[in-house]
Amino acid sequence: MPRWLEISYPYIFSIIIGGVSFFLKLEINKISKFDMILSSSVTLSSIIIAFVATMISILISISNSSVMKRINKNNGEHDLITYINTTVISGLLLVTYSLILNVFIESTGYTSRILLSLFVTLLVFFLLSTYRIIRIVTVILTDVLSENKEAQLAPKEVFTPTIKANKSELSEQSAGD
């Protein structure tokens, strides 16, 4: 995937899908059990944020691997940190917006359409940024595991000591035989 697309696809697709929801004239009060959708989005966001925090601890624990050293050498740590921050911040925004949106659950008309399209945009952005960071971390972990597997399969040099005897001991042993 080209770098510009990797950086921008959560933004592009979330804006497109949010715009589509606005132009379809979807309203909050016309969506059945929208309060449950909001509650579920808070739960899902919280779980994913906790998962991303766990991924951070895994990345820290493998920081001495050659894969992580290559990422640092190529200045990829900035992108990795940016992607993690984007996911966490968008998740927190989605949680906050979902809680606020509960107040406007009975709204109608233009306001309802705008509020719903913003919710859809945030939700899609959060899900796509989550997918992006999970995909990247999965690639990193796969490389680390294959690196460890190669290290285990590589033949190990075993030091075999040789015993050097004195010349007099060798001549006594051969005379005694």
C-alpha atoms as a PDB file:
ATOM      1  CA  MET A   1       0.000   0.000   0.000  1.00  0.00           C
ATOM      2  CA  PRO A   2       1.422   3.409  -0.914  1.00  0.00           C
ATOM      3  CA  ARG A   3       2.482   5.510   2.044  1.00  0.00           C
ATOM      4  CA  TRP A   4       0.089   8.394   1.274  1.00  0.00           C
ATOM      5  CA  LEU A   5      -2.821   5.947   1.187  1.00  0.00           C
ATOM      6  CA  GLU A   6      -1.801   4.309   4.455  1.00  0.00           C
ATOM      7  CA  ILE A   7      -1.742   7.699   6.136  1.00  0.00           C
ATOM      8  CA  SER A   8      -4.954   9.065   4.650  1.00  0.00           C
ATOM      9  CA  TYR A   9      -7.426   6.232   4.091  1.00  0.00           C
ATOM     10  CA  PRO A  10      -9.110   6.507   7.513  1.00  0.00           C
ATOM     11  CA  TYR A  11      -9.718  10.203   6.875  1.00  0.00           C
ATOM     12  CA  ILE A  12     -10.904   9.768   3.292  1.00  0.00           C
ATOM     13  CA  PHE A  13     -13.315   6.889   3.886  1.00  0.00           C
ATOM     14  CA  SER A  14     -14.752   8.284   7.113  1.00  0.00           C
ATOM     15  CA  ILE A  15     -15.537  11.629   5.459  1.00  0.00           C
ATOM     16  CA  ILE A  16     -17.087   9.877   2.451  1.00  0.00           C
ATOM     17  CA  ILE A  17     -19.260   7.592   4.567  1.00  0.00           C
ATOM     18  CA  GLY A  18     -20.228  10.453   6.909  1.00  0.00           C
ATOM     19  CA  GLY A  19     -21.203  12.545   3.883  1.00  0.00           C
ATOM     20  CA  VAL A  20     -23.252   9.699   2.441  1.00  0.00           C
ATOM     21  CA  SER A  21     -25.129   9.339   5.723  1.00  0.00           C
ATOM     22  CA  PHE A  22     -25.874  13.075   5.656  1.00  0.00           C
ATOM     23  CA  PHE A  23     -27.105  13.083   2.049  1.00  0.00           C
ATOM     24  CA  LEU A  24     -29.270  10.015   2.676  1.00  0.00           C
ATOM     25  CA  LYS A  25     -31.098  12.263   5.181  1.00  0.00           C
ATOM     26  CA  LEU A  26     -30.718   9.798   8.039  1.00  0.00           C
ATOM     27  CA  GLU A  27     -31.933  11.165  11.365  1.00  0.00           C
ATOM     28  CA  ILE A  28     -31.226  10.026  14.897  1.00  0.00           C
ATOM     29  CA  ASN A  29     -34.865   9.678  15.946  1.00  0.00           C
ATOM     30  CA  LYS A  30     -35.613   7.430  12.948  1.00  0.00           C
ATOM     31  CA  ILE A  31     -32.968   4.860  13.901  1.00  0.00           C
ATOM     32  CA  SER A  32     -34.387   2.095  16.045  1.00  0.00           C
ATOM     33  CA  LYS A  33     -32.646   1.649  19.404  1.00  0.00           C
ATOM     34  CA  PHE A  34     -30.052   4.319  18.694  1.00  0.00           C
ATOM     35  CA  ASP A  35     -29.382   4.611  22.423  1.00  0.00           C
ATOM     36  CA  MET A  36     -28.144   1.003  22.396  1.00  0.00           C
ATOM     37  CA  ILE A  37     -25.904   1.781  19.425  1.00  0.00           C
ATOM     38  CA  LEU A  38     -24.374   4.663  21.384  1.00  0.00           C
ATOM     39  CA  SER A  39     -23.869   2.455  24.414  1.00  0.00           C
ATOM     40  CA  SER A  40     -22.258  -0.226  22.284  1.00  0.00           C
ATOM     41  CA  SER A  41     -19.946   2.279  20.652  1.00  0.00           C
ATOM     42  CA  VAL A  42     -18.748   3.409  24.091  1.00  0.00           C
ATOM     43  CA  THR A  43     -18.113  -0.201  25.103  1.00  0.00           C
ATOM     44  CA  LEU A  44     -16.356  -1.082  21.853  1.00  0.00           C
ATOM     45  CA  SER A  45     -14.182   2.031  21.987  1.00  0.00           C
ATOM     46  CA  SER A  46     -13.164   1.322  25.565  1.00  0.00           C
ATOM     47  CA  ILE A  47     -12.199  -2.254  24.755  1.00  0.00           C
ATOM     48  CA  ILE A  48     -10.173  -1.239  21.711  1.00  0.00           C
ATOM     49  CA  ILE A  49      -8.379   1.538  23.602  1.00  0.00           C
ATOM     50  CA  ALA A  50      -7.394  -1.001  26.282  1.00  0.00           C
ATOM     51  CA  PHE A  51      -6.237  -3.395  23.566  1.00  0.00           C
ATOM     52  CA  VAL A  52      -4.085  -0.696  21.966  1.00  0.00           C
ATOM     53  CA  ALA A  53      -2.567   0.070  25.371  1.00  0.00           C
ATOM     54  CA  THR A  54      -1.668  -3.613  25.678  1.00  0.00           C
ATOM     55  CA  MET A  55      -0.111  -3.507  22.209  1.00  0.00           C
ATOM     56  CA  ILE A  56       2.064  -0.619  23.350  1.00  0.00           C
ATOM     57  CA  SER A  57       3.456  -2.714  26.197  1.00  0.00           C
ATOM     58  CA  ILE A  58       4.191  -5.545  23.749  1.00  0.00           C
ATOM     59  CA  LEU A  59       6.019  -3.151  21.428  1.00  0.00           C
ATOM     60  CA  ILE A  60       8.067  -1.862  24.349  1.00  0.00           C
ATOM     61  CA  SER A  61       9.021  -5.407  25.339  1.00  0.00           C
ATOM     62  CA  ILE A  62      10.345  -6.177  21.835  1.00  0.00           C
ATOM     63  CA  SER A  63      12.188  -2.886  21.432  1.00  0.00           C
ATOM     64  CA  ASN A  64      15.575  -4.658  21.224  1.00  0.00           C
ATOM     65  CA  SER A  65      14.561  -6.892  18.321  1.00  0.00           C
ATOM     66  CA  SER A  66      16.123  -6.326  14.928  1.00  0.00           C
ATOM     67  CA  VAL A  67      12.687  -5.470  13.493  1.00  0.00           C
ATOM     68  CA  MET A  68      12.231  -2.607  15.946  1.00  0.00           C
ATOM     69  CA  LYS A  69      15.813  -1.495  15.338  1.00  0.00           C
ATOM     70  CA  ARG A  70      15.053  -1.329  11.599  1.00  0.00           C
ATOM     71  CA  ILE A  71      11.913   0.708  12.319  1.00  0.00           C
ATOM     72  CA  ASN A  72      13.962   3.144  14.410  1.00  0.00           C
ATOM     73  CA  LYS A  73      16.732   3.271  11.795  1.00  0.00           C
ATOM     74  CA  ASN A  74      14.216   4.215   9.086  1.00  0.00           C
ATOM     75  CA  ASN A  75      12.474   6.769  11.350  1.00  0.00           C
ATOM     76  CA  GLY A  76       9.305   4.663  11.430  1.00  0.00           C
ATOM     77  CA  GLU A  77       8.770   5.075  15.155  1.00  0.00           C
ATOM     78  CA  HIS A  78       7.184   8.488  14.540  1.00  0.00           C
ATOM     79  CA  ASP A  79       4.567   6.945  12.237  1.00  0.00           C
ATOM     80  CA  LEU A  80       3.920   4.128  14.682  1.00  0.00           C
ATOM     81  CA  ILE A  81       3.413   6.545  17.566  1.00  0.00           C
ATOM     82  CA  THR A  82       1.208   8.780  15.396  1.00  0.00           C
ATOM     83  CA  TYR A  83      -0.996   5.836  14.396  1.00  0.00           C
ATOM     84  CA  ILE A  84      -1.345   4.735  18.017  1.00  0.00           C
ATOM     85  CA  ASN A  85      -2.170   8.283  19.148  1.00  0.00           C
ATOM     86  CA  THR A  86      -4.700   8.688  16.347  1.00  0.00           C
ATOM     87  CA  THR A  87      -6.484   5.509  17.365  1.00  0.00           C
ATOM     88  CA  VAL A  88      -6.593   6.359  21.063  1.00  0.00           C
ATOM     89  CA  ILE A  89      -7.638   9.978  20.550  1.00  0.00           C
ATOM     90  CA  SER A  90     -10.339   9.082  18.031  1.00  0.00           C
ATOM     91  CA  GLY A  91     -11.621   6.430  20.437  1.00  0.00           C
ATOM     92  CA  LEU A  92     -11.794   8.945  23.270  1.00  0.00           C
ATOM     93  CA  LEU A  93     -13.565  11.432  20.986  1.00  0.00           C
ATOM     94  CA  LEU A  94     -16.058   8.746  19.968  1.00  0.00           C
ATOM     95  CA  VAL A  95     -16.772   7.867  23.610  1.00  0.00           C
ATOM     96  CA  THR A  96     -17.239  11.519  24.546  1.00  0.00           C
ATOM     97  CA  TYR A  97     -19.388  12.270  21.508  1.00  0.00           C
ATOM     98  CA  SER A  98     -21.537   9.178  22.111  1.00  0.00           C
ATOM     99  CA  LEU A  99     -22.190  10.276  25.680  1.00  0.00           C
ATOM    100  CA  ILE A 100     -23.094  13.795  24.559  1.00  0.00           C
ATOM    101  CA  LEU A 101     -25.240  12.474  21.717  1.00  0.00           C
ATOM    102  CA  ASN A 102     -27.488  10.725  24.247  1.00  0.00           C
ATOM    103  CA  VAL A 103     -28.833  14.166  25.145  1.00  0.00           C
ATOM    104  CA  PHE A 104     -29.860  14.803  21.524  1.00  0.00           C
ATOM    105  CA  ILE A 105     -31.444  11.419  20.902  1.00  0.00           C
ATOM    106  CA  GLU A 106     -34.878  12.936  20.274  1.00  0.00           C
ATOM    107  CA  SER A 107     -33.664  15.652  17.897  1.00  0.00           C
ATOM    108  CA  THR A 108     -35.085  15.895  14.393  1.00  0.00           C
ATOM    109  CA  GLY A 109     -34.419  17.623  11.113  1.00  0.00           C
ATOM    110  CA  TYR A 110     -31.202  19.197   9.947  1.00  0.00           C
ATOM    111  CA  THR A 111     -29.597  19.139  13.410  1.00  0.00           C
ATOM    112  CA  SER A 112     -30.287  15.429  13.728  1.00  0.00           C
ATOM    113  CA  ARG A 113     -28.739  14.753  10.320  1.00  0.00           C
ATOM    114  CA  ILE A 114     -25.577  16.691  11.183  1.00  0.00           C
ATOM    115  CA  LEU A 115     -25.223  15.013  14.587  1.00  0.00           C
ATOM    116  CA  LEU A 116     -25.714  11.552  13.089  1.00  0.00           C
ATOM    117  CA  SER A 117     -23.293  12.129  10.206  1.00  0.00           C
ATOM    118  CA  LEU A 118     -20.639  13.333  12.684  1.00  0.00           C
ATOM    119  CA  PHE A 119     -21.205  10.188  14.742  1.00  0.00           C
ATOM    120  CA  VAL A 120     -20.883   7.974  11.660  1.00  0.00           C
ATOM    121  CA  THR A 121     -17.732   9.828  10.590  1.00  0.00           C
ATOM    122  CA  LEU A 122     -16.128   9.409  14.013  1.00  0.00           C
ATOM    123  CA  LEU A 123     -17.130   5.757  14.238  1.00  0.00           C
ATOM    124  CA  VAL A 124     -15.766   4.878  10.799  1.00  0.00           C
ATOM    125  CA  PHE A 125     -12.567   6.849  11.419  1.00  0.00           C
ATOM    126  CA  PHE A 126     -12.001   5.079  14.723  1.00  0.00           C
ATOM    127  CA  LEU A 127     -12.604   1.643  13.223  1.00  0.00           C
ATOM    128  CA  LEU A 128     -10.309   2.272  10.246  1.00  0.00           C
ATOM    129  CA  SER A 129      -7.513   3.729  12.369  1.00  0.00           C
ATOM    130  CA  THR A 130      -7.856   0.732  14.692  1.00  0.00           C
ATOM    131  CA  TYR A 131      -7.598  -1.618  11.730  1.00  0.00           C
ATOM    132  CA  ARG A 132      -4.492   0.227  10.514  1.00  0.00           C
ATOM    133  CA  ILE A 133      -2.582  -0.016  13.791  1.00  0.00           C
ATOM    134  CA  ILE A 134      -3.586  -3.646  14.402  1.00  0.00           C
ATOM    135  CA  ARG A 135      -2.455  -4.562  10.883  1.00  0.00           C
ATOM    136  CA  ILE A 136       0.898  -2.832  11.374  1.00  0.00           C
ATOM    137  CA  VAL A 137       1.529  -4.342  14.791  1.00  0.00           C
ATOM    138  CA  THR A 138       0.595  -7.772  13.450  1.00  0.00           C
ATOM    139  CA  VAL A 139       3.214  -7.403  10.709  1.00  0.00           C
ATOM    140  CA  ILE A 140       5.795  -6.323  13.298  1.00  0.00           C
ATOM    141  CA  LEU A 141       5.003  -9.250  15.598  1.00  0.00           C
ATOM    142  CA  THR A 142       5.089 -11.704  12.685  1.00  0.00           C
ATOM    143  CA  ASP A 143       8.558 -10.439  11.745  1.00  0.00           C
ATOM    144  CA  VAL A 144       9.757 -10.677  15.348  1.00  0.00           C
ATOM    145  CA  LEU A 145       8.442 -14.236  15.695  1.00  0.00           C
ATOM    146  CA  SER A 146      10.005 -15.349  12.408  1.00  0.00           C
ATOM    147  CA  GLU A 147      13.256 -13.701  13.482  1.00  0.00           C
ATOM    148  CA  ASN A 148      13.161 -15.666  16.740  1.00  0.00           C
ATOM    149  CA  LYS A 149      12.341 -18.875  14.872  1.00  0.00           C
ATOM    150  CA  GLU A 150      15.292 -18.379  12.511  1.00  0.00           C
ATOM    151  CA  ALA A 151      17.561 -17.765  15.478  1.00  0.00           C
ATOM    152  CA  GLN A 152      16.419 -21.024  17.072  1.00  0.00           C
ATOM    153  CA  LEU A 153      16.838 -23.037  13.856  1.00  0.00           C
ATOM    154  CA  ALA A 154      20.284 -21.654  13.044  1.00  0.00           C
ATOM    155  CA  PRO A 155      23.066 -24.128  13.790  1.00  0.00           C
ATOM    156  CA  LYS A 156      24.773 -23.232  16.968  1.00  0.00           C
ATOM    157  CA  GLU A 157      28.514 -23.234  17.210  1.00  0.00           C
ATOM    158  CA  VAL A 158      29.529 -25.526  19.993  1.00  0.00           C
ATOM    159  CA  PHE A 159      32.910 -25.027  21.542  1.00  0.00           C
ATOM    160  CA  THR A 160      34.761 -28.314  21.807  1.00  0.00           C
ATOM    161  CA  PRO A 161      37.838 -28.039  23.953  1.00  0.00           C
ATOM    162  CA  THR A 162      40.939 -29.994  23.023  1.00  0.00           C
ATOM    163  CA  ILE A 163      43.235 -31.435  25.630  1.00  0.00           C
ATOM    164  CA  LYS A 164      46.893 -30.805  25.127  1.00  0.00           C
ATOM    165  CA  ALA A 165      49.191 -33.147  26.922  1.00  0.00           C
ATOM    166  CA  ASN A 166      52.869 -32.705  27.623  1.00  0.00           C
ATOM    167  CA  LYS A 167      55.251 -34.508  25.257  1.00  0.00           C
ATOM    168  CA  SER A 168      56.649 -36.554  28.105  1.00  0.00           C
ATOM    169  CA  GLU A 169      53.175 -37.777  29.083  1.00  0.00           C
ATOM    170  CA  LEU A 170      52.440 -38.771  25.494  1.00  0.00           C
ATOM    171  CA  SER A 171      55.693 -40.744  25.185  1.00  0.00           C
ATOM    172  CA  GLU A 172      55.027 -42.530  28.511  1.00  0.00           C
ATOM    173  CA  GLN A 173      51.524 -43.483  27.373  1.00  0.00           C
ATOM    174  CA  SER A 174      52.775 -44.876  24.063  1.00  0.00           C
ATOM    175  CA  ALA A 175      55.619 -46.778  25.782  1.00  0.00           C
ATOM    176  CA  GLY A 176      53.157 -48.305  28.244  1.00  0.00           C
ATOM    177  CA  ASP A 177      50.891 -49.556  25.466  1.00  0.00           C
END
